[in-house]
């Protein structure tokens, strides 16, 4: 009697771990991998609905490094209808890719979705969703400690502890010890949080994430542009890639908040 050997594999293209040989996992992987690499489509059906539900175009003719021009649209993250269903599917992909839990209804209610669209190369009437940022209204966040401040905290811990490997966590909050990301514990007034940020793998290194973040900072609060260099923007615990974007775009002034 033949048996099917099933092994857990991690896809090098999308990063998803799945059971090879399990039909449900295989289907999930194929769908997820395609979305992560190429993005999802935005077509005439979504565009017709967008006119009715108030989807805003907040930036157009945005030039990417490869010469492609795209646009950024924005709408409430708890929107319904066809567009809401598409966003729900998109966030499923994002959460799988980032190994993050689903955003709660309370978070979606006070958030906006920013999507980066580029023309489809196979259908002139459709566009591709190649980037997504969820922007959330928050109240406080923590300031990130500089490497020098973390080192100083270690030195202070060394003076007061008998441990062989002193840690800065006595005076700082550890966010990601592997990358040396620590925060000062004080909760500082901060209006904008970014709980999710994602760019399809085929379109990375094109400044799409930075463009989405700049659009969110400029338009999230009507008539009140936010400045990341003044500590107006915070991330939840970022991935390695998110940490790099956070530092490059925010120049070290981005804060951290708990989702």
Protein backbone atom coordinates (compact mmCIF):
# COMPACT_ATOMS: atom_id res chain seq x y z
CA UNK A 1 0.00 0.00 0.00
CA UNK A 2 1.48 3.30 -1.13
CA UNK A 3 1.70 6.19 1.29
CA UNK A 4 2.15 9.89 0.58
CA UNK A 5 5.17 11.40 2.27
CA UNK A 6 4.37 14.84 3.64
CA UNK A 7 7.08 17.27 4.63
CA UNK A 8 6.98 20.82 5.94
CA UNK A 9 8.74 23.18 3.57
CA UNK A 10 9.35 26.93 3.56
CA UNK A 11 8.95 28.62 0.19
CA UNK A 12 11.99 30.70 -0.78
CA UNK A 13 9.78 33.08 -2.78
CA UNK A 14 7.01 33.92 -0.31
CA UNK A 15 8.41 32.69 3.01
CA UNK A 16 5.34 30.57 3.82
CA UNK A 17 5.84 27.28 5.65
CA UNK A 18 3.39 24.64 4.43
CA UNK A 19 2.95 20.88 4.33
CA UNK A 20 3.96 19.59 0.91
CA UNK A 21 1.59 16.82 -0.14
CA UNK A 22 -1.37 18.17 1.87
CA UNK A 23 -3.96 19.41 -0.69
CA UNK A 24 -5.28 22.27 1.46
CA UNK A 25 -1.78 23.52 2.23
CA UNK A 26 -0.74 23.25 -1.42
CA UNK A 27 -3.74 25.34 -2.53
CA UNK A 28 -3.08 27.94 0.19
CA UNK A 29 0.56 28.17 -0.80
CA UNK A 30 -0.12 28.62 -4.52
CA UNK A 31 -2.62 31.41 -3.85
CA UNK A 32 -0.48 33.13 -1.23
CA UNK A 33 2.74 32.87 -3.22
CA UNK A 34 1.15 34.45 -6.30
CA UNK A 35 -0.19 37.37 -4.27
CA UNK A 36 3.10 37.95 -2.46
CA UNK A 37 5.09 37.99 -5.71
CA UNK A 38 2.74 39.80 -8.07
CA UNK A 39 0.13 41.56 -5.93
CA UNK A 40 -3.65 41.56 -6.42
CA UNK A 41 -5.68 43.18 -9.17
CA UNK A 42 -7.70 46.39 -9.05
CA UNK A 43 -10.12 46.58 -11.97
CA UNK A 44 -13.07 48.44 -13.40
CA UNK A 45 -15.45 46.78 -10.92
CA UNK A 46 -13.51 48.22 -7.95
CA UNK A 47 -13.16 51.56 -9.72
CA UNK A 48 -16.93 51.85 -10.25
CA UNK A 49 -17.56 51.07 -6.58
CA UNK A 50 -14.79 53.47 -5.54
CA UNK A 51 -16.72 56.40 -6.99
CA UNK A 52 -19.75 55.51 -4.86
CA UNK A 53 -18.02 54.86 -1.53
CA UNK A 54 -15.58 57.76 -1.53
CA UNK A 55 -12.21 56.17 -2.23
CA UNK A 56 -9.67 59.00 -2.45
CA UNK A 57 -6.75 59.26 -4.84
CA UNK A 58 -4.10 60.91 -2.66
CA UNK A 59 -1.15 60.74 -5.09
CA UNK A 60 -0.89 60.20 -8.85
CA UNK A 61 1.96 59.91 -11.31
CA UNK A 62 4.28 58.59 -8.59
CA UNK A 63 7.55 57.68 -10.30
CA UNK A 64 9.33 54.51 -9.20
CA UNK A 65 13.02 53.74 -9.59
CA UNK A 66 12.35 51.49 -12.59
CA UNK A 67 10.51 54.29 -14.42
CA UNK A 68 7.02 52.94 -13.74
CA UNK A 69 4.37 55.47 -12.70
CA UNK A 70 1.78 54.52 -10.11
CA UNK A 71 -0.85 56.08 -7.89
CA UNK A 72 -1.91 55.85 -4.25
CA UNK A 73 -5.51 55.52 -3.13
CA UNK A 74 -6.96 55.62 0.37
CA UNK A 75 -10.18 54.55 2.08
CA UNK A 76 -11.48 53.51 5.53
CA UNK A 77 -10.09 50.12 6.55
CA UNK A 78 -13.52 48.92 7.73
CA UNK A 79 -15.18 49.61 4.37
CA UNK A 80 -17.70 47.05 3.11
CA UNK A 81 -18.72 45.80 -0.32
CA UNK A 82 -16.44 44.45 -3.01
CA UNK A 83 -13.57 46.73 -2.00
CA UNK A 84 -13.85 45.65 1.63
CA UNK A 85 -13.73 41.99 0.59
CA UNK A 86 -10.65 42.65 -1.55
CA UNK A 87 -8.94 44.40 1.36
CA UNK A 88 -9.78 41.48 3.66
CA UNK A 89 -8.12 39.05 1.20
CA UNK A 90 -5.14 41.38 0.87
CA UNK A 91 -4.71 41.60 4.64
CA UNK A 92 -4.87 37.80 4.91
CA UNK A 93 -1.89 37.67 2.55
CA UNK A 94 -0.07 40.42 4.44
CA UNK A 95 -0.64 38.78 7.82
CA UNK A 96 0.58 35.41 6.53
CA UNK A 97 3.67 37.01 4.99
CA UNK A 98 4.49 38.94 8.17
CA UNK A 99 3.43 36.14 10.56
CA UNK A 100 1.09 38.66 12.21
CA UNK A 101 -2.35 38.16 13.76
CA UNK A 102 -5.44 39.63 12.06
CA UNK A 103 -6.20 43.25 12.86
CA UNK A 104 -9.17 43.58 15.20
CA UNK A 105 -12.41 45.31 14.26
CA UNK A 106 -11.63 48.09 16.74
CA UNK A 107 -8.31 48.76 15.00
CA UNK A 108 -9.84 48.68 11.51
CA UNK A 109 -12.56 51.10 12.63
CA UNK A 110 -10.00 53.82 13.38
CA UNK A 111 -7.71 53.05 10.42
CA UNK A 112 -7.30 53.85 6.74
CA UNK A 113 -5.92 51.61 4.01
CA UNK A 114 -3.41 53.08 1.56
CA UNK A 115 -2.83 51.07 -1.62
CA UNK A 116 -0.15 51.58 -4.25
CA UNK A 117 -1.43 50.74 -7.75
CA UNK A 118 0.58 50.30 -10.94
CA UNK A 119 -0.70 49.51 -14.46
CA UNK A 120 -1.09 45.82 -15.25
CA UNK A 121 1.29 44.63 -17.96
CA UNK A 122 -1.25 42.08 -19.20
CA UNK A 123 -4.49 44.10 -19.17
CA UNK A 124 -4.60 47.85 -19.83
CA UNK A 125 -7.96 48.10 -18.06
CA UNK A 126 -6.65 46.78 -14.78
CA UNK A 127 -4.05 47.73 -12.20
CA UNK A 128 -1.98 45.77 -9.72
CA UNK A 129 -2.02 46.36 -5.97
CA UNK A 130 1.71 46.18 -5.27
CA UNK A 131 1.84 47.84 -1.86
CA UNK A 132 -0.36 48.36 1.18
CA UNK A 133 -0.07 50.40 4.38
CA UNK A 134 -2.63 50.44 7.17
CA UNK A 135 -2.59 53.73 9.07
CA UNK A 136 -4.20 53.78 12.52
CA UNK A 137 -5.18 56.61 14.86
CA UNK A 138 -3.28 56.08 18.12
CA UNK A 139 -2.61 58.19 21.20
CA UNK A 140 0.85 57.30 22.53
CA UNK A 141 4.05 55.53 21.56
CA UNK A 142 7.58 54.99 22.86
CA UNK A 143 10.73 56.67 21.62
CA UNK A 144 13.40 54.34 20.20
CA UNK A 145 16.68 54.37 22.11
CA UNK A 146 19.81 55.10 20.10
CA UNK A 147 22.58 52.47 20.05
CA UNK A 148 24.57 54.77 22.32
CA UNK A 149 21.70 54.96 24.82
CA UNK A 150 21.35 51.16 24.79
CA UNK A 151 25.10 50.78 25.36
CA UNK A 152 24.94 53.29 28.21
CA UNK A 153 22.07 51.34 29.79
CA UNK A 154 24.19 48.18 29.54
CA UNK A 155 27.06 49.95 31.27
CA UNK A 156 24.78 51.10 34.08
CA UNK A 157 23.44 47.56 34.45
CA UNK A 158 27.01 46.22 34.60
CA UNK A 159 27.72 48.53 37.53
CA UNK A 160 24.70 47.31 39.51
CA UNK A 161 24.48 43.65 38.51
CA UNK A 162 26.61 40.56 39.02
CA UNK A 163 25.40 39.01 35.75
CA UNK A 164 28.02 38.08 33.14
CA UNK A 165 25.97 39.57 30.29
CA UNK A 166 24.34 42.85 31.34
CA UNK A 167 21.16 43.90 29.53
CA UNK A 168 19.67 47.35 28.97
CA UNK A 169 16.20 46.07 29.85
CA UNK A 170 16.32 47.39 33.39
CA UNK A 171 15.80 50.92 32.11
CA UNK A 172 14.68 50.29 28.51
CA UNK A 173 11.90 48.24 26.87
CA UNK A 174 13.17 45.43 24.63
CA UNK A 175 11.38 45.37 21.26
CA UNK A 176 13.76 43.16 19.26
CA UNK A 177 16.97 42.12 20.99
CA UNK A 178 18.32 40.40 17.86
CA UNK A 179 18.50 43.74 16.04
CA UNK A 180 19.22 45.80 19.15
CA UNK A 181 15.89 47.62 19.10
CA UNK A 182 15.06 49.10 22.51
CA UNK A 183 12.69 51.87 23.57
CA UNK A 184 12.42 54.37 26.40
CA UNK A 185 9.38 53.35 28.51
CA UNK A 186 7.73 56.80 28.61
CA UNK A 187 4.45 56.98 26.63
CA UNK A 188 4.68 60.06 24.40
CA UNK A 189 1.74 61.67 22.51
CA UNK A 190 1.77 60.22 18.97
CA UNK A 191 -1.14 60.52 16.50
CA UNK A 192 -0.32 57.98 13.75
CA UNK A 193 0.47 54.28 13.95
CA UNK A 194 1.39 51.86 11.14
CA UNK A 195 0.34 48.33 12.16
CA UNK A 196 0.84 46.80 8.68
CA UNK A 197 3.15 47.67 5.77
CA UNK A 198 3.69 45.37 2.81
CA UNK A 199 5.09 45.46 -0.73
CA UNK A 200 4.88 42.53 -3.16
CA UNK A 201 8.24 40.83 -3.63
CA UNK A 202 8.46 41.62 -7.36
CA UNK A 203 8.15 45.34 -6.65
CA UNK A 204 10.46 45.85 -3.69
CA UNK A 205 13.41 48.26 -3.65
CA UNK A 206 11.33 50.76 -5.66
CA UNK A 207 10.57 53.15 -2.74
CA UNK A 208 6.93 52.01 -2.68
CA UNK A 209 6.90 51.58 1.11
CA UNK A 210 8.34 55.08 1.60
CA UNK A 211 5.80 56.57 -0.80
CA UNK A 212 2.94 54.89 1.05
CA UNK A 213 4.23 56.12 4.40
CA UNK A 214 4.68 59.67 3.13
CA UNK A 215 1.14 59.68 1.70
CA UNK A 216 -0.28 58.43 5.00
CA UNK A 217 1.63 61.04 7.02
CA UNK A 218 0.47 63.82 4.68
CA UNK A 219 -3.22 62.91 4.46
CA UNK A 220 -4.28 60.73 7.39
CA UNK A 221 -5.56 63.71 9.41
CA UNK A 222 -7.32 66.13 7.06
CA UNK A 223 -5.56 69.47 6.97
CA UNK A 224 -2.86 68.40 9.43
CA UNK A 225 0.23 66.85 7.79
CA UNK A 226 2.26 64.73 10.20
CA UNK A 227 6.04 64.83 10.38
CA UNK A 228 7.89 61.59 11.15
CA UNK A 229 10.99 63.61 12.06
CA UNK A 230 9.01 65.14 14.93
CA UNK A 231 7.93 61.78 16.33
CA UNK A 232 4.41 61.96 14.86
CA UNK A 233 4.52 58.39 13.47
CA UNK A 234 4.96 55.00 15.14
CA UNK A 235 5.26 51.38 14.03
CA UNK A 236 4.23 48.23 15.81
CA UNK A 237 7.06 45.74 16.32
CA UNK A 238 8.64 45.70 12.85
CA UNK A 239 10.09 42.78 10.90
CA UNK A 240 13.71 42.99 9.78
CA UNK A 241 12.62 44.59 6.50
CA UNK A 242 10.18 46.87 8.29
CA UNK A 243 12.92 47.93 10.68
CA UNK A 244 15.09 49.00 7.73
CA UNK A 245 12.22 50.99 6.17
CA UNK A 246 11.43 52.56 9.52
CA UNK A 247 15.01 53.73 10.02
CA UNK A 248 15.53 54.92 6.43
CA UNK A 249 12.22 56.76 6.08
CA UNK A 250 11.97 58.05 9.64
CA UNK A 251 15.68 58.89 10.04
CA UNK A 252 15.65 57.45 13.55
CA UNK A 253 12.63 59.44 14.79
CA UNK A 254 9.93 56.77 14.32
CA UNK A 255 8.40 55.51 17.55
CA UNK A 256 7.08 52.10 18.61
CA UNK A 257 3.63 51.28 19.96
CA UNK A 258 1.79 48.17 21.06
CA UNK A 259 -0.89 47.01 18.61
